[in-house]
Amino acid sequence: MSRYDTEEEQVEAIKGWWKKNGTQLLTLLLVGVIAISGWRYWTNAQYVGSANSSSLFEALQANMQRGTFGEVSREALKLIQDEPDSPYAVSAAMMSAKYSLDKGEVEEALAQYSWISEQAQDAQLRNIAYLNLARIQMDLKKFDEAQKQLDFLAKANLKGAEKSVLDYTSGLLAIAQANPEGALVAFKRVVENEKTESNLLGLAQVQLDDLTH
């Protein structure tokens, strides 16, 4: 029996997973990226502003975790404009893009994720940007554009939990394109992946149940 009684409940479950996963993944990744690349940037920079950027990034991250990013969103944009080559700018853009998406500002989020995909030196942050670009383009029914993002990620040889998110997204795109065979293959990969996050595993199983009954 399906965990969800209606299609609307399933859609809401998917949206809830994306929102929860996005915030947690951002927090973990940004801490790791800045701990390494941010320190290198700070020690190599020739001006005091890099120290201020570090402090500002910490404030941005704290507000993101508290759900009050809107209070510092202008500071995030200023950081992106003032130091576009710094790892702090890319991370600020990632937080700002998620904030824009949560508010329904789709075009703004697309622009920010596109900038990140071109600017980020860290592979994981680029992967998140491409994944979110695909997700947004699917919502806009721009399926060819979404497929381009997923094709790029497929070449990146993702592993573990990242691979399961890619496969799940590929399955959703296949369903949107009326390709049940492709969706079945994608969702099976999610279920068979030992690193798949538990909530995503449940969603993939529901999709499999729907496709096989």
C-alpha atoms as a PDB file:
ATOM      1  CA  MET A   1       0.000   0.000   0.000  1.00  0.00           C
ATOM      2  CA  SER A   2       1.284   3.479  -0.821  1.00  0.00           C
ATOM      3  CA  ARG A   3       2.466   5.687   2.031  1.00  0.00           C
ATOM      4  CA  TYR A   4       0.435   8.526   0.489  1.00  0.00           C
ATOM      5  CA  ASP A   5      -3.324   8.405  -0.098  1.00  0.00           C
ATOM      6  CA  THR A   6      -3.444  11.046  -2.821  1.00  0.00           C
ATOM      7  CA  GLU A   7      -1.218  12.454  -5.542  1.00  0.00           C
ATOM      8  CA  GLU A   8      -1.305  15.817  -3.751  1.00  0.00           C
ATOM      9  CA  GLU A   9       0.160  14.260  -0.603  1.00  0.00           C
ATOM     10  CA  GLN A  10       2.931  12.689  -2.637  1.00  0.00           C
ATOM     11  CA  VAL A  11       3.744  16.008  -4.318  1.00  0.00           C
ATOM     12  CA  GLU A  12       3.871  17.742  -0.948  1.00  0.00           C
ATOM     13  CA  ALA A  13       6.145  14.998   0.376  1.00  0.00           C
ATOM     14  CA  ILE A  14       8.511  15.532  -2.530  1.00  0.00           C
ATOM     15  CA  LYS A  15       8.543  19.286  -1.981  1.00  0.00           C
ATOM     16  CA  GLY A  16       9.119  18.769   1.727  1.00  0.00           C
ATOM     17  CA  TRP A  17      12.068  16.500   1.064  1.00  0.00           C
ATOM     18  CA  TRP A  18      13.625  18.984  -1.351  1.00  0.00           C
ATOM     19  CA  LYS A  19      13.272  21.803   1.163  1.00  0.00           C
ATOM     20  CA  LYS A  20      14.644  19.794   4.085  1.00  0.00           C
ATOM     21  CA  ASN A  21      17.438  18.242   2.066  1.00  0.00           C
ATOM     22  CA  GLY A  22      18.449  21.533   0.527  1.00  0.00           C
ATOM     23  CA  THR A  23      18.929  23.288   3.844  1.00  0.00           C
ATOM     24  CA  GLN A  24      20.841  20.443   5.463  1.00  0.00           C
ATOM     25  CA  LEU A  25      23.033  19.845   2.441  1.00  0.00           C
ATOM     26  CA  LEU A  26      23.860  23.518   2.164  1.00  0.00           C
ATOM     27  CA  THR A  27      24.833  23.759   5.817  1.00  0.00           C
ATOM     28  CA  LEU A  28      27.155  20.760   5.667  1.00  0.00           C
ATOM     29  CA  LEU A  29      28.745  21.620   2.355  1.00  0.00           C
ATOM     30  CA  LEU A  30      29.278  25.297   3.008  1.00  0.00           C
ATOM     31  CA  VAL A  31      30.972  24.610   6.320  1.00  0.00           C
ATOM     32  CA  GLY A  32      33.392  22.209   4.639  1.00  0.00           C
ATOM     33  CA  VAL A  33      34.092  24.367   1.621  1.00  0.00           C
ATOM     34  CA  ILE A  34      34.753  27.520   3.615  1.00  0.00           C
ATOM     35  CA  ALA A  35      36.836  25.700   6.206  1.00  0.00           C
ATOM     36  CA  ILE A  36      39.341  24.833   3.477  1.00  0.00           C
ATOM     37  CA  SER A  37      39.064  27.240   0.567  1.00  0.00           C
ATOM     38  CA  GLY A  38      37.995  30.186   2.715  1.00  0.00           C
ATOM     39  CA  TRP A  39      41.059  29.845   4.919  1.00  0.00           C
ATOM     40  CA  ARG A  40      43.335  29.648   1.893  1.00  0.00           C
ATOM     41  CA  TYR A  41      41.674  32.704   0.420  1.00  0.00           C
ATOM     42  CA  TRP A  42      42.040  34.632   3.663  1.00  0.00           C
ATOM     43  CA  THR A  43      45.754  33.817   4.051  1.00  0.00           C
ATOM     44  CA  ASN A  44      46.534  34.653   0.411  1.00  0.00           C
ATOM     45  CA  ALA A  45      44.481  37.834   0.125  1.00  0.00           C
ATOM     46  CA  GLN A  46      46.354  41.123   0.090  1.00  0.00           C
ATOM     47  CA  TYR A  47      43.713  43.212   1.818  1.00  0.00           C
ATOM     48  CA  VAL A  48      41.903  43.308   5.135  1.00  0.00           C
ATOM     49  CA  GLY A  49      38.517  42.904   3.457  1.00  0.00           C
ATOM     50  CA  SER A  50      38.895  39.135   3.380  1.00  0.00           C
ATOM     51  CA  ALA A  51      38.626  38.996   7.168  1.00  0.00           C
ATOM     52  CA  ASN A  52      35.424  41.027   7.003  1.00  0.00           C
ATOM     53  CA  SER A  53      34.121  38.647   4.347  1.00  0.00           C
ATOM     54  CA  SER A  54      34.754  35.713   6.672  1.00  0.00           C
ATOM     55  CA  SER A  55      32.763  37.349   9.468  1.00  0.00           C
ATOM     56  CA  LEU A  56      29.955  38.282   7.092  1.00  0.00           C
ATOM     57  CA  PHE A  57      29.769  34.729   5.773  1.00  0.00           C
ATOM     58  CA  GLU A  58      29.400  33.402   9.312  1.00  0.00           C
ATOM     59  CA  ALA A  59      26.521  35.820   9.875  1.00  0.00           C
ATOM     60  CA  LEU A  60      24.856  34.764   6.617  1.00  0.00           C
ATOM     61  CA  GLN A  61      25.151  31.116   7.532  1.00  0.00           C
ATOM     62  CA  ALA A  62      23.746  31.674  11.020  1.00  0.00           C
ATOM     63  CA  ASN A  63      20.735  33.490   9.596  1.00  0.00           C
ATOM     64  CA  MET A  64      20.179  30.743   7.025  1.00  0.00           C
ATOM     65  CA  GLN A  65      20.068  28.142   9.796  1.00  0.00           C
ATOM     66  CA  ARG A  66      17.646  30.280  11.841  1.00  0.00           C
ATOM     67  CA  GLY A  67      15.374  30.918   8.863  1.00  0.00           C
ATOM     68  CA  THR A  68      16.031  34.661   8.940  1.00  0.00           C
ATOM     69  CA  PHE A  69      18.169  34.984   5.821  1.00  0.00           C
ATOM     70  CA  GLY A  70      15.921  37.741   4.495  1.00  0.00           C
ATOM     71  CA  GLU A  71      17.318  40.061   7.153  1.00  0.00           C
ATOM     72  CA  VAL A  72      20.820  39.809   5.647  1.00  0.00           C
ATOM     73  CA  SER A  73      20.032  39.123   1.978  1.00  0.00           C
ATOM     74  CA  ARG A  74      21.326  42.537   0.882  1.00  0.00           C
ATOM     75  CA  GLU A  75      24.644  41.877   2.595  1.00  0.00           C
ATOM     76  CA  ALA A  76      24.872  38.587   0.701  1.00  0.00           C
ATOM     77  CA  LEU A  77      24.383  40.360  -2.637  1.00  0.00           C
ATOM     78  CA  LYS A  78      26.988  42.949  -1.680  1.00  0.00           C
ATOM     79  CA  LEU A  79      29.496  40.212  -0.881  1.00  0.00           C
ATOM     80  CA  ILE A  80      28.837  38.567  -4.261  1.00  0.00           C
ATOM     81  CA  GLN A  81      29.362  41.870  -6.065  1.00  0.00           C
ATOM     82  CA  ASP A  82      32.420  42.988  -4.098  1.00  0.00           C
ATOM     83  CA  GLU A  83      34.357  39.703  -4.076  1.00  0.00           C
ATOM     84  CA  PRO A  84      33.038  37.513  -6.904  1.00  0.00           C
ATOM     85  CA  ASP A  85      36.218  35.408  -7.039  1.00  0.00           C
ATOM     86  CA  SER A  86      36.161  34.432  -3.372  1.00  0.00           C
ATOM     87  CA  PRO A  87      34.682  31.163  -2.038  1.00  0.00           C
ATOM     88  CA  TYR A  88      32.587  33.314   0.284  1.00  0.00           C
ATOM     89  CA  ALA A  89      30.819  34.865  -2.714  1.00  0.00           C
ATOM     90  CA  VAL A  90      29.875  31.495  -4.196  1.00  0.00           C
ATOM     91  CA  SER A  91      28.563  30.262  -0.859  1.00  0.00           C
ATOM     92  CA  ALA A  92      26.614  33.482  -0.319  1.00  0.00           C
ATOM     93  CA  ALA A  93      25.130  33.056  -3.791  1.00  0.00           C
ATOM     94  CA  MET A  94      24.103  29.496  -2.943  1.00  0.00           C
ATOM     95  CA  MET A  95      22.239  30.664   0.147  1.00  0.00           C
ATOM     96  CA  SER A  96      20.732  33.584  -1.731  1.00  0.00           C
ATOM     97  CA  ALA A  97      19.552  31.305  -4.550  1.00  0.00           C
ATOM     98  CA  LYS A  98      17.791  28.979  -2.131  1.00  0.00           C
ATOM     99  CA  TYR A  99      16.202  31.968  -0.402  1.00  0.00           C
ATOM    100  CA  SER A 100      14.938  33.287  -3.757  1.00  0.00           C
ATOM    101  CA  LEU A 101      13.559  29.875  -4.694  1.00  0.00           C
ATOM    102  CA  ASP A 102      11.760  29.471  -1.387  1.00  0.00           C
ATOM    103  CA  LYS A 103      10.124  32.873  -1.979  1.00  0.00           C
ATOM    104  CA  GLY A 104       9.006  31.853  -5.463  1.00  0.00           C
ATOM    105  CA  GLU A 105      11.407  34.202  -7.247  1.00  0.00           C
ATOM    106  CA  VAL A 106      12.209  31.606  -9.890  1.00  0.00           C
ATOM    107  CA  GLU A 107      14.033  33.755 -12.442  1.00  0.00           C
ATOM    108  CA  GLU A 108      16.284  35.206  -9.736  1.00  0.00           C
ATOM    109  CA  ALA A 109      17.091  31.726  -8.468  1.00  0.00           C
ATOM    110  CA  LEU A 110      17.879  30.536 -11.999  1.00  0.00           C
ATOM    111  CA  ALA A 111      20.284  33.429 -12.510  1.00  0.00           C
ATOM    112  CA  GLN A 112      22.042  32.756  -9.205  1.00  0.00           C
ATOM    113  CA  TYR A 113      22.389  29.015  -9.754  1.00  0.00           C
ATOM    114  CA  SER A 114      23.674  29.634 -13.280  1.00  0.00           C
ATOM    115  CA  TRP A 115      26.307  32.004 -11.909  1.00  0.00           C
ATOM    116  CA  ILE A 116      27.344  29.436  -9.305  1.00  0.00           C
ATOM    117  CA  SER A 117      27.646  26.677 -11.909  1.00  0.00           C
ATOM    118  CA  GLU A 118      30.124  28.839 -13.842  1.00  0.00           C
ATOM    119  CA  GLN A 119      31.959  30.389 -10.902  1.00  0.00           C
ATOM    120  CA  ALA A 120      32.294  27.717  -8.208  1.00  0.00           C
ATOM    121  CA  GLN A 121      35.645  25.982  -7.839  1.00  0.00           C
ATOM    122  CA  ASP A 122      34.235  23.346  -5.500  1.00  0.00           C
ATOM    123  CA  ALA A 123      32.726  20.405  -7.395  1.00  0.00           C
ATOM    124  CA  GLN A 124      30.011  19.707  -4.825  1.00  0.00           C
ATOM    125  CA  LEU A 125      28.691  23.255  -4.956  1.00  0.00           C
ATOM    126  CA  ARG A 126      28.664  23.137  -8.760  1.00  0.00           C
ATOM    127  CA  ASN A 127      26.760  19.857  -8.598  1.00  0.00           C
ATOM    128  CA  ILE A 128      24.120  21.346  -6.306  1.00  0.00           C
ATOM    129  CA  ALA A 129      23.762  24.308  -8.671  1.00  0.00           C
ATOM    130  CA  TYR A 130      23.252  22.054 -11.703  1.00  0.00           C
ATOM    131  CA  LEU A 131      20.782  19.889  -9.789  1.00  0.00           C
ATOM    132  CA  ASN A 132      18.714  22.874  -8.740  1.00  0.00           C
ATOM    133  CA  LEU A 133      18.807  24.286 -12.257  1.00  0.00           C
ATOM    134  CA  ALA A 134      17.380  20.983 -13.497  1.00  0.00           C
ATOM    135  CA  ARG A 135      14.729  20.989 -10.780  1.00  0.00           C
ATOM    136  CA  ILE A 136      13.590  24.536 -11.604  1.00  0.00           C
ATOM    137  CA  GLN A 137      13.591  23.915 -15.348  1.00  0.00           C
ATOM    138  CA  MET A 138      11.457  20.821 -14.835  1.00  0.00           C
ATOM    139  CA  ASP A 139       8.937  22.913 -12.900  1.00  0.00           C
ATOM    140  CA  LEU A 140       8.920  25.355 -15.837  1.00  0.00           C
ATOM    141  CA  LYS A 141       8.444  22.403 -18.234  1.00  0.00           C
ATOM    142  CA  LYS A 142      11.745  23.201 -19.942  1.00  0.00           C
ATOM    143  CA  PHE A 143      12.586  19.531 -20.131  1.00  0.00           C
ATOM    144  CA  ASP A 144      15.399  19.787 -22.685  1.00  0.00           C
ATOM    145  CA  GLU A 145      17.192  22.345 -20.531  1.00  0.00           C
ATOM    146  CA  ALA A 146      16.703  20.190 -17.448  1.00  0.00           C
ATOM    147  CA  GLN A 147      18.142  17.194 -19.276  1.00  0.00           C
ATOM    148  CA  LYS A 148      21.276  19.172 -20.160  1.00  0.00           C
ATOM    149  CA  GLN A 149      21.949  19.788 -16.467  1.00  0.00           C
ATOM    150  CA  LEU A 150      21.431  16.128 -15.597  1.00  0.00           C
ATOM    151  CA  ASP A 151      23.646  15.014 -18.490  1.00  0.00           C
ATOM    152  CA  PHE A 152      26.433  17.179 -17.135  1.00  0.00           C
ATOM    153  CA  LEU A 153      26.042  15.646 -13.681  1.00  0.00           C
ATOM    154  CA  ALA A 154      26.009  12.151 -15.154  1.00  0.00           C
ATOM    155  CA  LYS A 155      29.491  12.820 -16.533  1.00  0.00           C
ATOM    156  CA  ALA A 156      30.701  13.916 -13.087  1.00  0.00           C
ATOM    157  CA  ASN A 157      30.618  10.308 -11.823  1.00  0.00           C
ATOM    158  CA  LEU A 158      28.733  11.128  -8.628  1.00  0.00           C
ATOM    159  CA  LYS A 159      28.796   8.677  -5.741  1.00  0.00           C
ATOM    160  CA  GLY A 160      26.734   7.877  -2.659  1.00  0.00           C
ATOM    161  CA  ALA A 161      23.947  10.211  -1.596  1.00  0.00           C
ATOM    162  CA  GLU A 162      24.683  12.685  -4.397  1.00  0.00           C
ATOM    163  CA  LYS A 163      24.147   9.924  -6.954  1.00  0.00           C
ATOM    164  CA  SER A 164      20.814   8.957  -5.413  1.00  0.00           C
ATOM    165  CA  VAL A 165      19.552  12.544  -5.649  1.00  0.00           C
ATOM    166  CA  LEU A 166      20.645  12.692  -9.284  1.00  0.00           C
ATOM    167  CA  ASP A 167      18.900   9.394 -10.045  1.00  0.00           C
ATOM    168  CA  TYR A 168      15.708  10.474  -8.308  1.00  0.00           C
ATOM    169  CA  THR A 169      15.664  13.731 -10.247  1.00  0.00           C
ATOM    170  CA  SER A 170      16.266  11.801 -13.457  1.00  0.00           C
ATOM    171  CA  GLY A 171      13.284   9.612 -12.605  1.00  0.00           C
ATOM    172  CA  LEU A 172      11.044  12.630 -12.093  1.00  0.00           C
ATOM    173  CA  LEU A 173      12.152  14.059 -15.415  1.00  0.00           C
ATOM    174  CA  ALA A 174      11.470  10.750 -17.146  1.00  0.00           C
ATOM    175  CA  ILE A 175       7.923  10.741 -15.734  1.00  0.00           C
ATOM    176  CA  ALA A 176       7.403  14.323 -16.905  1.00  0.00           C
ATOM    177  CA  GLN A 177       8.500  13.254 -20.383  1.00  0.00           C
ATOM    178  CA  ALA A 178       6.148  10.239 -20.418  1.00  0.00           C
ATOM    179  CA  ASN A 179       9.063   7.783 -20.251  1.00  0.00           C
ATOM    180  CA  PRO A 180       8.007   5.190 -17.624  1.00  0.00           C
ATOM    181  CA  GLU A 181      10.793   2.764 -18.582  1.00  0.00           C
ATOM    182  CA  GLY A 182      13.454   5.383 -17.941  1.00  0.00           C
ATOM    183  CA  ALA A 183      11.779   6.372 -14.680  1.00  0.00           C
ATOM    184  CA  LEU A 184      11.691   2.766 -13.520  1.00  0.00           C
ATOM    185  CA  VAL A 185      15.427   2.350 -14.083  1.00  0.00           C
ATOM    186  CA  ALA A 186      16.218   5.614 -12.291  1.00  0.00           C
ATOM    187  CA  PHE A 187      14.089   4.922  -9.221  1.00  0.00           C
ATOM    188  CA  LYS A 188      15.499   1.399  -8.937  1.00  0.00           C
ATOM    189  CA  ARG A 189      18.977   2.886  -8.746  1.00  0.00           C
ATOM    190  CA  VAL A 190      17.821   5.112  -5.882  1.00  0.00           C
ATOM    191  CA  VAL A 191      16.368   2.185  -3.942  1.00  0.00           C
ATOM    192  CA  GLU A 192      19.446   0.032  -4.526  1.00  0.00           C
ATOM    193  CA  ASN A 193      21.851   2.781  -3.429  1.00  0.00           C
ATOM    194  CA  GLU A 194      22.967   2.067   0.158  1.00  0.00           C
ATOM    195  CA  LYS A 195      23.694   5.760   0.743  1.00  0.00           C
ATOM    196  CA  THR A 196      20.208   6.999  -0.176  1.00  0.00           C
ATOM    197  CA  GLU A 197      18.719   9.224   2.530  1.00  0.00           C
ATOM    198  CA  SER A 198      15.795   7.497   4.256  1.00  0.00           C
ATOM    199  CA  ASN A 199      13.044   9.934   3.227  1.00  0.00           C
ATOM    200  CA  LEU A 200      14.207   9.916  -0.374  1.00  0.00           C
ATOM    201  CA  LEU A 201      14.294   6.130  -0.276  1.00  0.00           C
ATOM    202  CA  GLY A 202      10.644   6.112   0.751  1.00  0.00           C
ATOM    203  CA  LEU A 203       9.684   8.492  -2.045  1.00  0.00           C
ATOM    204  CA  ALA A 204      11.540   6.421  -4.632  1.00  0.00           C
ATOM    205  CA  GLN A 205       9.797   3.265  -3.420  1.00  0.00           C
ATOM    206  CA  VAL A 206       6.419   4.962  -3.785  1.00  0.00           C
ATOM    207  CA  GLN A 207       7.318   5.914  -7.337  1.00  0.00           C
ATOM    208  CA  LEU A 208       8.348   2.338  -8.081  1.00  0.00           C
ATOM    209  CA  ASP A 209       5.099   1.004  -6.644  1.00  0.00           C
ATOM    210  CA  ASP A 210       3.119   3.385  -8.859  1.00  0.00           C
ATOM    211  CA  LEU A 211       5.062   2.368 -11.947  1.00  0.00           C
ATOM    212  CA  THR A 212       4.735  -1.373 -11.385  1.00  0.00           C
ATOM    213  CA  HIS A 213       1.016  -1.519 -10.494  1.00  0.00           C
END
